[in-house]
Amino acid sequence: MSKIKKTTPPVGNPSISQAKQAAEKRAAELINFSFKYLDGDHDKFSYAPYNTEYFCEVLKRVKDISGWTKLELLSNRSSSLRAHPIEWTTTSEANGFNFPKHEEIVDTPYQFAVSGNEHGRVHGFFIYNTFYVVWLDKNHKLYP
């Protein structure tokens, strides 16, 4: 009877493993996007009439930002990004996002531009490194 020789599985390229670990660490710090609280039925921020070009621009911006950390987004002073906190008292929506328990969930609301002024803003908030999109404001209706 012959013995079956046990072989150890190949370990792989250590540099790939290190690169994978570095990529996983970086990915854990990057911004994620959620549309859980997206409000497309709001009178001012309904996105139903928007065209395909608009949504392509939104997706491009979200894709670009998803390669950044929260700190990189919030400290970016680019005039084409215009990322900053929202001060409700200076807006058309003094009650905030106004979804159930929003006062308990939303710490600081933020906005960023889709692309300069042409495609408006995205409004939402962070929980850790996830940005929850609430309104797509193509026509700049949050700030009258």
Protein backbone atom coordinates (compact mmCIF):
# COMPACT_ATOMS: atom_id res chain seq x y z
CA MET A 1 0.00 0.00 0.00
CA SER A 2 1.48 3.33 -0.99
CA LYS A 3 1.34 6.33 1.25
CA ILE A 4 -0.29 9.48 0.05
CA LYS A 5 2.07 12.32 0.45
CA LYS A 6 0.59 15.39 2.07
CA THR A 7 1.58 18.59 0.42
CA THR A 8 1.26 22.01 1.87
CA PRO A 9 -0.75 24.45 -0.19
CA PRO A 10 1.27 27.13 -1.93
CA VAL A 11 1.67 30.23 0.17
CA GLY A 12 1.51 32.61 -2.73
CA ASN A 13 3.41 35.72 -3.52
CA PRO A 14 4.08 37.59 -0.26
CA SER A 15 4.08 40.94 -2.02
CA ILE A 16 0.56 40.29 -3.34
CA SER A 17 -0.58 39.41 0.16
CA GLN A 18 0.92 42.62 1.54
CA ALA A 19 -0.63 44.65 -1.26
CA LYS A 20 -3.99 43.03 -0.57
CA GLN A 21 -3.72 43.86 3.14
CA ALA A 22 -2.85 47.47 2.33
CA ALA A 23 -5.79 47.68 -0.10
CA GLU A 24 -8.16 46.20 2.48
CA LYS A 25 -6.97 48.68 5.12
CA ARG A 26 -7.45 51.60 2.71
CA ALA A 27 -10.88 50.31 1.62
CA ALA A 28 -12.02 50.24 5.25
CA GLU A 29 -11.30 53.99 5.45
CA LEU A 30 -12.96 55.00 2.18
CA ILE A 31 -16.38 56.59 1.85
CA ASN A 32 -19.29 54.29 1.12
CA PHE A 33 -22.62 55.52 -0.19
CA SER A 34 -26.07 54.45 0.90
CA PHE A 35 -29.41 55.42 -0.57
CA LYS A 36 -31.40 54.03 2.35
CA TYR A 37 -32.80 57.48 3.20
CA LEU A 38 -33.14 58.77 -0.37
CA ASP A 39 -36.31 60.88 -0.58
CA GLY A 40 -37.41 61.09 -4.20
CA ASP A 41 -40.97 62.06 -3.29
CA HIS A 42 -40.11 65.40 -1.69
CA ASP A 43 -41.82 68.36 -3.41
CA LYS A 44 -38.55 70.21 -4.04
CA PHE A 45 -36.17 67.29 -4.46
CA SER A 46 -38.09 64.77 -6.55
CA TYR A 47 -35.66 63.29 -9.07
CA ALA A 48 -38.35 61.82 -11.35
CA PRO A 49 -38.07 64.59 -13.99
CA TYR A 50 -34.27 64.38 -14.23
CA ASN A 51 -32.73 62.95 -17.40
CA THR A 52 -30.16 60.23 -17.97
CA GLU A 53 -27.33 62.73 -18.34
CA TYR A 54 -27.98 64.00 -14.82
CA PHE A 55 -27.86 60.53 -13.26
CA CYS A 56 -24.67 59.74 -15.18
CA GLU A 57 -23.08 62.87 -13.67
CA VAL A 58 -24.25 61.90 -10.17
CA LEU A 59 -22.82 58.40 -10.56
CA LYS A 60 -19.52 59.80 -11.85
CA ARG A 61 -19.23 62.06 -8.82
CA VAL A 62 -20.16 59.26 -6.39
CA LYS A 63 -17.61 56.97 -8.05
CA ASP A 64 -14.88 59.60 -7.71
CA ILE A 65 -15.68 60.39 -4.09
CA SER A 66 -15.85 56.70 -3.17
CA GLY A 67 -12.06 56.66 -3.63
CA TRP A 68 -11.63 59.24 -0.85
CA THR A 69 -11.79 59.14 2.91
CA LYS A 70 -14.34 61.19 4.84
CA LEU A 71 -11.57 63.54 5.95
CA GLU A 72 -10.40 64.02 2.35
CA LEU A 73 -13.92 64.97 1.27
CA LEU A 74 -14.63 67.32 4.14
CA SER A 75 -11.28 69.08 3.96
CA ASN A 76 -11.35 69.48 0.16
CA ARG A 77 -11.78 73.14 -0.76
CA SER A 78 -12.28 72.62 -4.48
CA SER A 79 -14.71 75.09 -6.01
CA SER A 80 -16.15 72.32 -8.18
CA LEU A 81 -16.90 70.13 -5.13
CA ARG A 82 -18.22 72.68 -2.62
CA ALA A 83 -18.45 70.13 0.20
CA HIS A 84 -19.60 71.65 3.47
CA PRO A 85 -22.03 71.21 6.36
CA ILE A 86 -25.60 72.38 5.90
CA GLU A 87 -26.89 75.04 8.29
CA TRP A 88 -30.66 74.44 8.31
CA THR A 89 -31.53 77.97 9.45
CA THR A 90 -30.18 79.37 6.18
CA THR A 91 -32.09 76.92 3.97
CA SER A 92 -35.62 76.44 2.67
CA GLU A 93 -35.91 73.34 4.90
CA ALA A 94 -35.69 74.63 8.48
CA ASN A 95 -36.93 71.26 9.82
CA GLY A 96 -34.02 69.36 8.30
CA PHE A 97 -34.40 66.13 6.39
CA ASN A 98 -37.63 65.37 8.23
CA PHE A 99 -37.69 61.57 7.99
CA PRO A 100 -38.63 59.53 11.09
CA LYS A 101 -36.08 59.99 13.90
CA HIS A 102 -33.84 62.18 11.73
CA GLU A 103 -33.00 64.30 14.79
CA GLU A 104 -31.54 61.20 16.45
CA ILE A 105 -29.80 59.80 13.36
CA VAL A 106 -28.33 62.87 11.64
CA ASP A 107 -25.42 64.42 13.48
CA THR A 108 -24.27 66.91 10.85
CA PRO A 109 -25.88 67.23 7.41
CA TYR A 110 -23.55 67.83 4.45
CA GLN A 111 -23.74 68.67 0.81
CA PHE A 112 -21.41 68.39 -2.15
CA ALA A 113 -21.67 69.49 -5.76
CA VAL A 114 -22.29 67.03 -8.55
CA SER A 115 -20.27 69.05 -11.06
CA GLY A 116 -19.84 72.76 -10.60
CA ASN A 117 -23.20 74.51 -10.71
CA GLU A 118 -24.72 72.74 -13.69
CA HIS A 119 -25.95 69.59 -11.92
CA GLY A 120 -26.72 70.88 -8.45
CA ARG A 121 -25.92 69.28 -5.12
CA VAL A 122 -26.24 66.04 -3.22
CA HIS A 123 -27.48 66.43 0.37
CA GLY A 124 -27.07 63.83 3.06
CA PHE A 125 -25.18 62.88 6.19
CA PHE A 126 -22.47 60.58 7.48
CA ILE A 127 -22.63 57.69 9.88
CA TYR A 128 -18.98 56.71 10.30
CA ASN A 129 -17.64 56.61 6.73
CA THR A 130 -20.97 55.95 5.00
CA PHE A 131 -22.62 58.93 3.32
CA TYR A 132 -26.40 58.55 3.29
CA VAL A 133 -27.85 60.41 0.32
CA VAL A 134 -31.18 62.04 1.16
CA TRP A 135 -31.83 64.59 -1.57
CA LEU A 136 -30.62 65.16 -5.11
CA ASP A 137 -30.93 68.91 -5.59
CA LYS A 138 -30.32 69.53 -9.29
CA ASN A 139 -32.02 72.93 -9.24
CA HIS A 140 -30.40 74.35 -6.08
CA LYS A 141 -33.67 74.55 -4.15
CA LEU A 142 -32.21 74.00 -0.67
CA TYR A 143 -30.64 77.45 -0.58
CA PRO A 144 -33.19 79.99 -1.85
